[in-house]
Structures are given as C-alpha cells and as structure tokens.
C-alpha cells in the first residue's frame, strides 16, 4: 500500500516515481549544508533555464541561505552564489527572476 505522501505523476525522467514524501525530502540532504558554491550557482542558473523553457518571463525563487550554508561557507556566500547564478541565467535566457530569502530565527549569521 502506498504512503499517503507518495509522489505521483510522470517523474520517470528524474527518478522520483514512487518515492514517498520522506524519501523525496531526503534527496535535498545531498545539497543542504554542502557548501558547494558551484552546485548552488548552477541550480540557480538552471532555475532560469527551466522558467524560460516553460515560457515564464517573471518568477521569484524562495530559499533559506542558512540551510545551504556550511562551516566556512556562511549564508552571505550562499546568497552571492544564488545571485550570480540567477544573473547569468537571466542574461542568457531573457527572464526576470528575483529572490525571496527565508531567514531562520536562532541561526548564526548576520542579517543578509
């Protein structure tokens, strides 16, 4: 029997078919707290590419820089990487993408 949180739909091209919600969110653990500047910038760039392919001219992406930060890789650096990726993507694909930052109370780091 499927979990009430099973991911349905045709996700066969990205390997998500039949994952339950907990398994789906576990996939994010690979990126969260990794401190991988190149990966974070690339994801932001590809967000722009995906928007352009869907004929979306304006979008906003929401993320928490604290969840993507790591020791030696502060939230401020995460924001720089995302902004750099979004800027490159907007320039290349002709879309307008903005960021909404989600801060987490009690996490170290100054206001961004």
PDB file of N, CA and C in Angstrom:
ATOM      1  N   UNK A   1       0.843  -1.188   0.000  1.00  0.00           N
ATOM      2  CA  UNK A   1       0.000   0.000   0.000  1.00  0.00           C
ATOM      3  C   UNK A   1       0.882   1.243   0.000  1.00  0.00           C
ATOM      4  N   UNK A   2       0.503   2.223  -0.806  1.00  0.00           N
ATOM      5  CA  UNK A   2       1.266   3.462  -0.889  1.00  0.00           C
ATOM      6  C   UNK A   2       1.082   4.299   0.365  1.00  0.00           C
ATOM      7  N   UNK A   3       2.122   5.044   0.678  1.00  0.00           N
ATOM      8  CA  UNK A   3       2.053   6.013   1.763  1.00  0.00           C
ATOM      9  C   UNK A   3       1.093   7.123   1.351  1.00  0.00           C
ATOM     10  N   UNK A   4       0.426   7.781   2.298  1.00  0.00           N
ATOM     11  CA  UNK A   4      -0.430   8.915   1.920  1.00  0.00           C
ATOM     12  C   UNK A   4       0.375  10.067   1.346  1.00  0.00           C
ATOM     13  N   UNK A   5       1.686   9.978   1.444  1.00  0.00           N
ATOM     14  CA  UNK A   5       2.541  11.043   0.951  1.00  0.00           C
ATOM     15  C   UNK A   5       3.358  10.608  -0.262  1.00  0.00           C
ATOM     16  N   UNK A   6       2.856   9.680  -1.035  1.00  0.00           N
ATOM     17  CA  UNK A   6       3.590   9.191  -2.198  1.00  0.00           C
ATOM     18  C   UNK A   6       3.561  10.224  -3.314  1.00  0.00           C
ATOM     19  N   UNK A   7       4.715  10.426  -3.960  1.00  0.00           N
ATOM     20  CA  UNK A   7       4.832  11.362  -5.071  1.00  0.00           C
ATOM     21  C   UNK A   7       4.315  10.669  -6.324  1.00  0.00           C
ATOM     22  N   UNK A   8       3.252  11.195  -6.924  1.00  0.00           N
ATOM     23  CA  UNK A   8       2.664  10.614  -8.124  1.00  0.00           C
ATOM     24  C   UNK A   8       2.970  11.484  -9.333  1.00  0.00           C
ATOM     25  N   UNK A   9       2.598  11.025 -10.474  1.00  0.00           N
ATOM     26  CA  UNK A   9       2.827  11.764 -11.710  1.00  0.00           C
ATOM     27  C   UNK A   9       3.951  11.120 -12.484  1.00  0.00           C
ATOM     28  N   UNK A  10       4.195  11.615 -13.666  1.00  0.00           N
ATOM     29  CA  UNK A  10       5.240  11.062 -14.513  1.00  0.00           C
ATOM     30  C   UNK A  10       6.564  11.737 -14.208  1.00  0.00           C
ATOM     31  N   UNK A  11       7.266  11.192 -13.251  1.00  0.00           N
ATOM     32  CA  UNK A  11       8.578  11.712 -12.887  1.00  0.00           C
ATOM     33  C   UNK A  11       9.663  10.718 -13.279  1.00  0.00           C
ATOM     34  N   UNK A  12       9.346   9.835 -14.232  1.00  0.00           N
ATOM     35  CA  UNK A  12      10.267   8.767 -14.587  1.00  0.00           C
ATOM     36  C   UNK A  12      11.585   9.299 -15.137  1.00  0.00           C
ATOM     37  N   UNK A  13      11.554  10.479 -15.740  1.00  0.00           N
ATOM     38  CA  UNK A  13      12.784  11.030 -16.297  1.00  0.00           C
ATOM     39  C   UNK A  13      13.737  11.548 -15.234  1.00  0.00           C
ATOM     40  N   UNK A  14      13.270  11.734 -13.996  1.00  0.00           N
ATOM     41  CA  UNK A  14      14.170  12.248 -12.964  1.00  0.00           C
ATOM     42  C   UNK A  14      14.265  11.309 -11.765  1.00  0.00           C
ATOM     43  N   UNK A  15      13.744  10.100 -11.874  1.00  0.00           N
ATOM     44  CA  UNK A  15      13.910   9.102 -10.830  1.00  0.00           C
ATOM     45  C   UNK A  15      13.066   9.307  -9.590  1.00  0.00           C
ATOM     46  N   UNK A  16      11.953  10.033  -9.668  1.00  0.00           N
ATOM     47  CA  UNK A  16      11.134  10.302  -8.487  1.00  0.00           C
ATOM     48  C   UNK A  16       9.920   9.388  -8.371  1.00  0.00           C
ATOM     49  N   UNK A  17       9.621   8.601  -9.388  1.00  0.00           N
ATOM     50  CA  UNK A  17       8.415   7.777  -9.378  1.00  0.00           C
ATOM     51  C   UNK A  17       8.375   6.861  -8.161  1.00  0.00           C
ATOM     52  N   UNK A  18       7.270   6.909  -7.426  1.00  0.00           N
ATOM     53  CA  UNK A  18       7.032   6.008  -6.308  1.00  0.00           C
ATOM     54  C   UNK A  18       7.719   6.378  -5.002  1.00  0.00           C
ATOM     55  N   UNK A  19       8.398   7.501  -4.947  1.00  0.00           N
ATOM     56  CA  UNK A  19       9.013   7.907  -3.687  1.00  0.00           C
ATOM     57  C   UNK A  19       7.951   8.443  -2.744  1.00  0.00           C
ATOM     58  N   UNK A  20       8.075   8.097  -1.459  1.00  0.00           N
ATOM     59  CA  UNK A  20       7.163   8.739  -0.522  1.00  0.00           C
ATOM     60  C   UNK A  20       7.752  10.093  -0.132  1.00  0.00           C
ATOM     61  N   UNK A  21       6.990  10.872   0.577  1.00  0.00           N
ATOM     62  CA  UNK A  21       7.388  12.248   0.873  1.00  0.00           C
ATOM     63  C   UNK A  21       8.708  12.319   1.648  1.00  0.00           C
ATOM     64  N   UNK A  22       8.891  11.435   2.606  1.00  0.00           N
ATOM     65  CA  UNK A  22      10.136  11.447   3.370  1.00  0.00           C
ATOM     66  C   UNK A  22      11.329  11.104   2.486  1.00  0.00           C
ATOM     67  N   UNK A  23      11.166  10.148   1.592  1.00  0.00           N
ATOM     68  CA  UNK A  23      12.246   9.799   0.668  1.00  0.00           C
ATOM     69  C   UNK A  23      12.535  10.975  -0.272  1.00  0.00           C
ATOM     70  N   UNK A  24      11.492  11.658  -0.701  1.00  0.00           N
ATOM     71  CA  UNK A  24      11.655  12.803  -1.594  1.00  0.00           C
ATOM     72  C   UNK A  24      12.473  13.898  -0.916  1.00  0.00           C
ATOM     73  N   UNK A  25      12.130  14.230   0.330  1.00  0.00           N
ATOM     74  CA  UNK A  25      12.854  15.282   1.038  1.00  0.00           C
ATOM     75  C   UNK A  25      14.272  14.849   1.393  1.00  0.00           C
ATOM     76  N   UNK A  26      14.506  13.556   1.536  1.00  0.00           N
ATOM     77  CA  UNK A  26      15.850  13.059   1.822  1.00  0.00           C
ATOM     78  C   UNK A  26      16.811  13.433   0.691  1.00  0.00           C
ATOM     79  N   UNK A  27      16.290  13.541  -0.529  1.00  0.00           N
ATOM     80  CA  UNK A  27      17.130  13.904  -1.670  1.00  0.00           C
ATOM     81  C   UNK A  27      17.774  15.273  -1.479  1.00  0.00           C
ATOM     82  N   UNK A  28      17.103  16.172  -0.769  1.00  0.00           N
ATOM     83  CA  UNK A  28      17.641  17.510  -0.541  1.00  0.00           C
ATOM     84  C   UNK A  28      18.842  17.496   0.398  1.00  0.00           C
ATOM     85  N   UNK A  29      19.008  16.442   1.170  1.00  0.00           N
ATOM     86  CA  UNK A  29      20.122  16.359   2.106  1.00  0.00           C
ATOM     87  C   UNK A  29      21.465  16.387   1.382  1.00  0.00           C
ATOM     88  N   UNK A  30      21.485  15.981   0.124  1.00  0.00           N
ATOM     89  CA  UNK A  30      22.724  15.996  -0.628  1.00  0.00           C
ATOM     90  C   UNK A  30      23.235  17.418  -0.858  1.00  0.00           C
ATOM     91  N   UNK A  31      22.337  18.383  -0.932  1.00  0.00           N
ATOM     92  CA  UNK A  31      22.744  19.756  -1.193  1.00  0.00           C
ATOM     93  C   UNK A  31      22.789  20.585   0.082  1.00  0.00           C
ATOM     94  N   UNK A  32      21.853  20.374   0.975  1.00  0.00           N
ATOM     95  CA  UNK A  32      21.758  21.215   2.157  1.00  0.00           C
ATOM     96  C   UNK A  32      23.012  21.094   3.011  1.00  0.00           C
ATOM     97  N   UNK A  33      23.604  22.227   3.288  1.00  0.00           N
ATOM     98  CA  UNK A  33      24.776  22.266   4.137  1.00  0.00           C
ATOM     99  C   UNK A  33      26.036  21.745   3.477  1.00  0.00           C
ATOM    100  N   UNK A  34      26.012  21.631   2.161  1.00  0.00           N
ATOM    101  CA  UNK A  34      27.178  21.073   1.468  1.00  0.00           C
ATOM    102  C   UNK A  34      28.282  22.103   1.286  1.00  0.00           C
ATOM    103  N   UNK A  35      27.917  23.384   1.216  1.00  0.00           N
ATOM    104  CA  UNK A  35      28.912  24.412   0.970  1.00  0.00           C
ATOM    105  C   UNK A  35      29.489  24.347  -0.429  1.00  0.00           C
ATOM    106  N   UNK A  36      28.724  23.796  -1.353  1.00  0.00           N
ATOM    107  CA  UNK A  36      29.194  23.626  -2.735  1.00  0.00           C
ATOM    108  C   UNK A  36      28.748  24.829  -3.564  1.00  0.00           C
ATOM    109  N   UNK A  37      29.628  25.824  -3.675  1.00  0.00           N
ATOM    110  CA  UNK A  37      29.301  27.070  -4.367  1.00  0.00           C
ATOM    111  C   UNK A  37      28.920  26.826  -5.828  1.00  0.00           C
ATOM    112  N   UNK A  38      29.640  25.952  -6.486  1.00  0.00           N
ATOM    113  CA  UNK A  38      29.378  25.679  -7.905  1.00  0.00           C
ATOM    114  C   UNK A  38      27.991  25.066  -8.098  1.00  0.00           C
ATOM    115  N   UNK A  39      27.626  24.123  -7.225  1.00  0.00           N
ATOM    116  CA  UNK A  39      26.314  23.479  -7.337  1.00  0.00           C
ATOM    117  C   UNK A  39      25.187  24.474  -7.080  1.00  0.00           C
ATOM    118  N   UNK A  40      25.352  25.324  -6.077  1.00  0.00           N
ATOM    119  CA  UNK A  40      24.317  26.301  -5.747  1.00  0.00           C
ATOM    120  C   UNK A  40      24.134  27.281  -6.899  1.00  0.00           C
ATOM    121  N   UNK A  41      25.228  27.762  -7.462  1.00  0.00           N
ATOM    122  CA  UNK A  41      25.135  28.680  -8.599  1.00  0.00           C
ATOM    123  C   UNK A  41      24.488  28.005  -9.810  1.00  0.00           C
ATOM    124  N   UNK A  42      24.841  26.769 -10.052  1.00  0.00           N
ATOM    125  CA  UNK A  42      24.283  26.041 -11.204  1.00  0.00           C
ATOM    126  C   UNK A  42      22.772  25.819 -11.060  1.00  0.00           C
ATOM    127  N   UNK A  43      22.338  25.492  -9.847  1.00  0.00           N
ATOM    128  CA  UNK A  43      20.901  25.290  -9.613  1.00  0.00           C
ATOM    129  C   UNK A  43      20.142  26.583  -9.880  1.00  0.00           C
ATOM    130  N   UNK A  44      20.685  27.705  -9.436  1.00  0.00           N
ATOM    131  CA  UNK A  44      20.042  29.000  -9.687  1.00  0.00           C
ATOM    132  C   UNK A  44      19.982  29.288 -11.189  1.00  0.00           C
ATOM    133  N   UNK A  45      21.079  29.017 -11.886  1.00  0.00           N
ATOM    134  CA  UNK A  45      21.129  29.208 -13.334  1.00  0.00           C
ATOM    135  C   UNK A  45      20.087  28.326 -14.031  1.00  0.00           C
ATOM    136  N   UNK A  46      20.017  27.060 -13.637  1.00  0.00           N
ATOM    137  CA  UNK A  46      19.070  26.133 -14.251  1.00  0.00           C
ATOM    138  C   UNK A  46      17.623  26.478 -13.920  1.00  0.00           C
ATOM    139  N   UNK A  47      17.396  27.130 -12.785  1.00  0.00           N
ATOM    140  CA  UNK A  47      16.054  27.610 -12.466  1.00  0.00           C
ATOM    141  C   UNK A  47      15.589  28.589 -13.541  1.00  0.00           C
ATOM    142  N   UNK A  48      16.495  29.464 -13.961  1.00  0.00           N
ATOM    143  CA  UNK A  48      16.187  30.423 -15.026  1.00  0.00           C
ATOM    144  C   UNK A  48      15.929  29.702 -16.346  1.00  0.00           C
ATOM    145  N   UNK A  49      16.750  28.724 -16.637  1.00  0.00           N
ATOM    146  CA  UNK A  49      16.582  27.952 -17.866  1.00  0.00           C
ATOM    147  C   UNK A  49      15.231  27.248 -17.891  1.00  0.00           C
ATOM    148  N   UNK A  50      14.863  26.620 -16.768  1.00  0.00           N
ATOM    149  CA  UNK A  50      13.573  25.942 -16.677  1.00  0.00           C
ATOM    150  C   UNK A  50      12.421  26.923 -16.861  1.00  0.00           C
ATOM    151  N   UNK A  51      12.528  28.102 -16.261  1.00  0.00           N
ATOM    152  CA  UNK A  51      11.485  29.117 -16.408  1.00  0.00           C
ATOM    153  C   UNK A  51      11.329  29.506 -17.876  1.00  0.00           C
ATOM    154  N   UNK A  52      12.446  29.719 -18.557  1.00  0.00           N
ATOM    155  CA  UNK A  52      12.396  30.100 -19.975  1.00  0.00           C
ATOM    156  C   UNK A  52      11.763  28.999 -20.816  1.00  0.00           C
ATOM    157  N   UNK A  53      12.083  27.746 -20.534  1.00  0.00           N
ATOM    158  CA  UNK A  53      11.509  26.630 -21.285  1.00  0.00           C
ATOM    159  C   UNK A  53      10.004  26.518 -21.081  1.00  0.00           C
ATOM    160  N   UNK A  54       9.540  26.974 -19.932  1.00  0.00           N
ATOM    161  CA  UNK A  54       8.097  26.955 -19.627  1.00  0.00           C
ATOM    162  C   UNK A  54       7.417  28.261 -20.038  1.00  0.00           C
ATOM    163  N   UNK A  55       8.137  29.138 -20.734  1.00  0.00           N
ATOM    164  CA  UNK A  55       7.624  30.430 -21.212  1.00  0.00           C
ATOM    165  C   UNK A  55       7.209  31.342 -20.063  1.00  0.00           C
ATOM    166  N   UNK A  56       7.941  31.249 -18.963  1.00  0.00           N
ATOM    167  CA  UNK A  56       7.713  32.115 -17.809  1.00  0.00           C
ATOM    168  C   UNK A  56       8.691  33.277 -17.914  1.00  0.00           C
ATOM    169  N   UNK A  57       8.172  34.478 -17.906  1.00  0.00           N
ATOM    170  CA  UNK A  57       9.021  35.654 -18.050  1.00  0.00           C
ATOM    171  C   UNK A  57       9.470  36.231 -16.715  1.00  0.00           C
ATOM    172  N   UNK A  58       8.653  36.046 -15.667  1.00  0.00           N
ATOM    173  CA  UNK A  58       8.987  36.565 -14.344  1.00  0.00           C
ATOM    174  C   UNK A  58       8.663  35.510 -13.300  1.00  0.00           C
ATOM    175  N   UNK A  59       9.574  35.311 -12.365  1.00  0.00           N
ATOM    176  CA  UNK A  59       9.339  34.373 -11.268  1.00  0.00           C
ATOM    177  C   UNK A  59      10.150  34.810 -10.063  1.00  0.00           C
ATOM    178  N   UNK A  60       9.776  34.272  -8.925  1.00  0.00           N
ATOM    179  CA  UNK A  60      10.521  34.515  -7.697  1.00  0.00           C
ATOM    180  C   UNK A  60      10.882  33.163  -7.100  1.00  0.00           C
ATOM    181  N   UNK A  61      12.108  33.055  -6.663  1.00  0.00           N
ATOM    182  CA  UNK A  61      12.551  31.827  -6.008  1.00  0.00           C
ATOM    183  C   UNK A  61      12.734  32.108  -4.524  1.00  0.00           C
ATOM    184  N   UNK A  62      12.290  31.176  -3.718  1.00  0.00           N
ATOM    185  CA  UNK A  62      12.370  31.352  -2.273  1.00  0.00           C
ATOM    186  C   UNK A  62      13.283  30.264  -1.710  1.00  0.00           C
ATOM    187  N   UNK A  63      14.228  30.670  -0.889  1.00  0.00           N
ATOM    188  CA  UNK A  63      15.133  29.695  -0.292  1.00  0.00           C
ATOM    189  C   UNK A  63      15.691  30.244   1.014  1.00  0.00           C
ATOM    190  N   UNK A  64      16.250  29.353   1.809  1.00  0.00           N
ATOM    191  CA  UNK A  64      16.892  29.741   3.059  1.00  0.00           C
ATOM    192  C   UNK A  64      18.395  29.594   2.909  1.00  0.00           C
ATOM    193  N   UNK A  65      19.118  30.712   2.897  1.00  0.00           N
ATOM    194  CA  UNK A  65      20.573  30.619   2.797  1.00  0.00           C
ATOM    195  C   UNK A  65      21.192  29.880   3.987  1.00  0.00           C
ATOM    196  N   UNK A  66      20.518  29.896   5.123  1.00  0.00           N
ATOM    197  CA  UNK A  66      21.039  29.201   6.301  1.00  0.00           C
ATOM    198  C   UNK A  66      21.065  27.692   6.091  1.00  0.00           C
ATOM    199  N   UNK A  67      20.085  27.151   5.375  1.00  0.00           N
ATOM    200  CA  UNK A  67      20.036  25.711   5.151  1.00  0.00           C
ATOM    201  C   UNK A  67      21.055  25.242   4.119  1.00  0.00           C
ATOM    202  N   UNK A  68      21.529  26.153   3.305  1.00  0.00           N
ATOM    203  CA  UNK A  68      22.523  25.795   2.294  1.00  0.00           C
ATOM    204  C   UNK A  68      23.934  26.145   2.719  1.00  0.00           C
ATOM    205  N   UNK A  69      24.086  26.771   3.884  1.00  0.00           N
ATOM    206  CA  UNK A  69      25.402  27.166   4.363  1.00  0.00           C
ATOM    207  C   UNK A  69      26.076  25.988   5.063  1.00  0.00           C
ATOM    208  N   UNK A  70      27.372  26.130   5.285  1.00  0.00           N
ATOM    209  CA  UNK A  70      28.162  25.110   5.969  1.00  0.00           C
ATOM    210  C   UNK A  70      29.298  25.809   6.686  1.00  0.00           C
ATOM    211  N   UNK A  71      30.025  25.062   7.478  1.00  0.00           N
ATOM    212  CA  UNK A  71      31.173  25.646   8.165  1.00  0.00           C
ATOM    213  C   UNK A  71      32.162  26.179   7.124  1.00  0.00           C
ATOM    214  N   UNK A  72      32.511  27.438   7.261  1.00  0.00           N
ATOM    215  CA  UNK A  72      33.397  28.066   6.293  1.00  0.00           C
ATOM    216  C   UNK A  72      32.679  28.552   5.040  1.00  0.00           C
ATOM    217  N   UNK A  73      31.383  28.373   4.994  1.00  0.00           N
ATOM    218  CA  UNK A  73      30.567  28.791   3.843  1.00  0.00           C
ATOM    219  C   UNK A  73      29.306  29.439   4.396  1.00  0.00           C
ATOM    220  N   UNK A  74      29.399  30.718   4.804  1.00  0.00           N
ATOM    221  CA  UNK A  74      28.299  31.386   5.517  1.00  0.00           C
ATOM    222  C   UNK A  74      27.106  31.692   4.609  1.00  0.00           C
ATOM    223  N   UNK A  75      25.961  31.987   5.215  1.00  0.00           N
ATOM    224  CA  UNK A  75      24.759  32.314   4.437  1.00  0.00           C
ATOM    225  C   UNK A  75      24.982  33.439   3.426  1.00  0.00           C
ATOM    226  N   UNK A  76      25.819  34.411   3.797  1.00  0.00           N
ATOM    227  CA  UNK A  76      26.081  35.520   2.869  1.00  0.00           C
ATOM    228  C   UNK A  76      26.689  35.009   1.561  1.00  0.00           C
ATOM    229  N   UNK A  77      27.553  34.026   1.652  1.00  0.00           N
ATOM    230  CA  UNK A  77      28.178  33.455   0.450  1.00  0.00           C
ATOM    231  C   UNK A  77      27.157  32.683  -0.376  1.00  0.00           C
ATOM    232  N   UNK A  78      26.226  32.018   0.295  1.00  0.00           N
ATOM    233  CA  UNK A  78      25.152  31.317  -0.421  1.00  0.00           C
ATOM    234  C   UNK A  78      24.375  32.311  -1.271  1.00  0.00           C
ATOM    235  N   UNK A  79      24.015  33.446  -0.674  1.00  0.00           N
ATOM    236  CA  UNK A  79      23.257  34.471  -1.400  1.00  0.00           C
ATOM    237  C   UNK A  79      24.048  34.969  -2.606  1.00  0.00           C
ATOM    238  N   UNK A  80      25.337  35.163  -2.434  1.00  0.00           N
ATOM    239  CA  UNK A  80      26.184  35.596  -3.561  1.00  0.00           C
ATOM    240  C   UNK A  80      26.158  34.570  -4.694  1.00  0.00           C
ATOM    241  N   UNK A  81      26.251  33.296  -4.351  1.00  0.00           N
ATOM    242  CA  UNK A  81      26.235  32.236  -5.369  1.00  0.00           C
ATOM    243  C   UNK A  81      24.892  32.185  -6.095  1.00  0.00           C
ATOM    244  N   UNK A  82      23.805  32.267  -5.339  1.00  0.00           N
ATOM    245  CA  UNK A  82      22.474  32.254  -5.956  1.00  0.00           C
ATOM    246  C   UNK A  82      22.312  33.466  -6.859  1.00  0.00           C
ATOM    247  N   UNK A  83      22.680  34.634  -6.360  1.00  0.00           N
ATOM    248  CA  UNK A  83      22.536  35.856  -7.167  1.00  0.00           C
ATOM    249  C   UNK A  83      23.357  35.789  -8.450  1.00  0.00           C
ATOM    250  N   UNK A  84      24.563  35.233  -8.355  1.00  0.00           N
ATOM    251  CA  UNK A  84      25.415  35.101  -9.536  1.00  0.00           C
ATOM    252  C   UNK A  84      24.772  34.145 -10.551  1.00  0.00           C
ATOM    253  N   UNK A  85      24.250  33.027 -10.078  1.00  0.00           N
ATOM    254  CA  UNK A  85      23.594  32.073 -10.970  1.00  0.00           C
ATOM    255  C   UNK A  85      22.341  32.644 -11.596  1.00  0.00           C
ATOM    256  N   UNK A  86      21.541  33.354 -10.799  1.00  0.00           N
ATOM    257  CA  UNK A  86      20.323  33.967 -11.334  1.00  0.00           C
ATOM    258  C   UNK A  86      20.665  35.038 -12.368  1.00  0.00           C
ATOM    259  N   UNK A  87      21.678  35.842 -12.088  1.00  0.00           N
ATOM    260  CA  UNK A  87      22.051  36.900 -13.034  1.00  0.00           C
ATOM    261  C   UNK A  87      22.513  36.317 -14.360  1.00  0.00           C
ATOM    262  N   UNK A  88      23.355  35.286 -14.293  1.00  0.00           N
ATOM    263  CA  UNK A  88      23.814  34.629 -15.528  1.00  0.00           C
ATOM    264  C   UNK A  88      22.637  34.023 -16.288  1.00  0.00           C
ATOM    265  N   UNK A  89      21.727  33.389 -15.556  1.00  0.00           N
ATOM    266  CA  UNK A  89      20.561  32.770 -16.190  1.00  0.00           C
ATOM    267  C   UNK A  89      19.615  33.789 -16.798  1.00  0.00           C
ATOM    268  N   UNK A  90      19.381  34.881 -16.086  1.00  0.00           N
ATOM    269  CA  UNK A  90      18.504  35.938 -16.610  1.00  0.00           C
ATOM    270  C   UNK A  90      19.093  36.544 -17.875  1.00  0.00           C
ATOM    271  N   UNK A  91      20.399  36.794 -17.851  1.00  0.00           N
ATOM    272  CA  UNK A  91      21.063  37.365 -19.030  1.00  0.00           C
ATOM    273  C   UNK A  91      20.995  36.409 -20.217  1.00  0.00           C
ATOM    274  N   UNK A  92      21.212  35.146 -19.956  1.00  0.00           N
ATOM    275  CA  UNK A  92      21.262  34.173 -21.062  1.00  0.00           C
ATOM    276  C   UNK A  92      19.887  33.833 -21.614  1.00  0.00           C
ATOM    277  N   UNK A  93      18.871  33.709 -20.743  1.00  0.00           N
ATOM    278  CA  UNK A  93      17.567  33.212 -21.177  1.00  0.00           C
ATOM    279  C   UNK A  93      16.492  34.289 -21.285  1.00  0.00           C
ATOM    280  N   UNK A  94      16.815  35.532 -20.950  1.00  0.00           N
ATOM    281  CA  UNK A  94      15.866  36.620 -21.108  1.00  0.00           C
ATOM    282  C   UNK A  94      14.678  36.571 -20.172  1.00  0.00           C
ATOM    283  N   UNK A  95      14.890  36.053 -18.962  1.00  0.00           N
ATOM    284  CA  UNK A  95      13.824  36.013 -17.959  1.00  0.00           C
ATOM    285  C   UNK A  95      14.191  36.957 -16.817  1.00  0.00           C
ATOM    286  N   UNK A  96      13.226  37.252 -15.971  1.00  0.00           N
ATOM    287  CA  UNK A  96      13.450  38.101 -14.801  1.00  0.00           C
ATOM    288  C   UNK A  96      13.119  37.271 -13.571  1.00  0.00           C
ATOM    289  N   UNK A  97      14.140  36.880 -12.824  1.00  0.00           N
ATOM    290  CA  UNK A  97      13.959  36.036 -11.644  1.00  0.00           C
ATOM    291  C   UNK A  97      14.483  36.795 -10.430  1.00  0.00           C
ATOM    292  N   UNK A  98      13.688  36.842  -9.383  1.00  0.00           N
ATOM    293  CA  UNK A  98      14.063  37.528  -8.143  1.00  0.00           C
ATOM    294  C   UNK A  98      14.122  36.519  -6.995  1.00  0.00           C
ATOM    295  N   UNK A  99      14.788  36.898  -5.922  1.00  0.00           N
ATOM    296  CA  UNK A  99      14.929  36.028  -4.748  1.00  0.00           C
ATOM    297  C   UNK A  99      14.086  36.519  -3.588  1.00  0.00           C
ATOM    298  N   UNK A 100      13.543  35.576  -2.858  1.00  0.00           N
ATOM    299  CA  UNK A 100      12.916  35.834  -1.567  1.00  0.00           C
ATOM    300  C   UNK A 100      13.702  35.004  -0.565  1.00  0.00           C
ATOM    301  N   UNK A 101      14.314  35.654   0.413  1.00  0.00           N
ATOM    302  CA  UNK A 101      15.115  34.941   1.400  1.00  0.00           C
ATOM    303  C   UNK A 101      14.271  34.572   2.604  1.00  0.00           C
ATOM    304  N   UNK A 102      14.418  33.356   3.050  1.00  0.00           N
ATOM    305  CA  UNK A 102      13.727  32.872   4.240  1.00  0.00           C
ATOM    306  C   UNK A 102      14.753  32.714   5.345  1.00  0.00           C
ATOM    307  N   UNK A 103      14.692  33.583   6.320  1.00  0.00           N
ATOM    308  CA  UNK A 103      15.628  33.515   7.436  1.00  0.00           C
ATOM    309  C   UNK A 103      15.099  32.560   8.490  1.00  0.00           C
ATOM    310  N   UNK A 104      16.016  31.987   9.227  1.00  0.00           N
ATOM    311  CA  UNK A 104      15.645  31.063  10.292  1.00  0.00           C
ATOM    312  C   UNK A 104      16.087  31.673  11.610  1.00  0.00           C
ATOM    313  N   UNK A 105      15.127  31.917  12.462  1.00  0.00           N
ATOM    314  CA  UNK A 105      15.407  32.523  13.756  1.00  0.00           C
ATOM    315  C   UNK A 105      16.329  31.616  14.565  1.00  0.00           C
ATOM    316  N   UNK A 106      17.322  32.226  15.165  1.00  0.00           N
ATOM    317  CA  UNK A 106      18.235  31.468  16.007  1.00  0.00           C
ATOM    318  C   UNK A 106      19.422  30.887  15.283  1.00  0.00           C
ATOM    319  N   UNK A 107      19.488  31.024  13.982  1.00  0.00           N
ATOM    320  CA  UNK A 107      20.639  30.529  13.229  1.00  0.00           C
ATOM    321  C   UNK A 107      21.742  31.588  13.258  1.00  0.00           C
ATOM    322  N   UNK A 108      22.995  31.154  13.333  1.00  0.00           N
ATOM    323  CA  UNK A 108      24.083  32.132  13.344  1.00  0.00           C
ATOM    324  C   UNK A 108      24.189  32.876  12.031  1.00  0.00           C
ATOM    325  N   UNK A 109      24.801  34.027  12.091  1.00  0.00           N
ATOM    326  CA  UNK A 109      24.956  34.844  10.887  1.00  0.00           C
ATOM    327  C   UNK A 109      24.197  36.144  11.049  1.00  0.00           C
ATOM    328  N   UNK A 110      24.680  37.156  10.392  1.00  0.00           N
ATOM    329  CA  UNK A 110      24.030  38.452  10.496  1.00  0.00           C
ATOM    330  C   UNK A 110      22.888  38.529   9.496  1.00  0.00           C
ATOM    331  N   UNK A 111      22.091  39.595   9.616  1.00  0.00           N
ATOM    332  CA  UNK A 111      21.034  39.804   8.636  1.00  0.00           C
ATOM    333  C   UNK A 111      21.634  39.964   7.262  1.00  0.00           C
ATOM    334  N   UNK A 112      20.983  39.395   6.284  1.00  0.00           N
ATOM    335  CA  UNK A 112      21.503  39.431   4.906  1.00  0.00           C
ATOM    336  C   UNK A 112      20.999  40.633   4.175  1.00  0.00           C
TER     337      UNK A 112
END
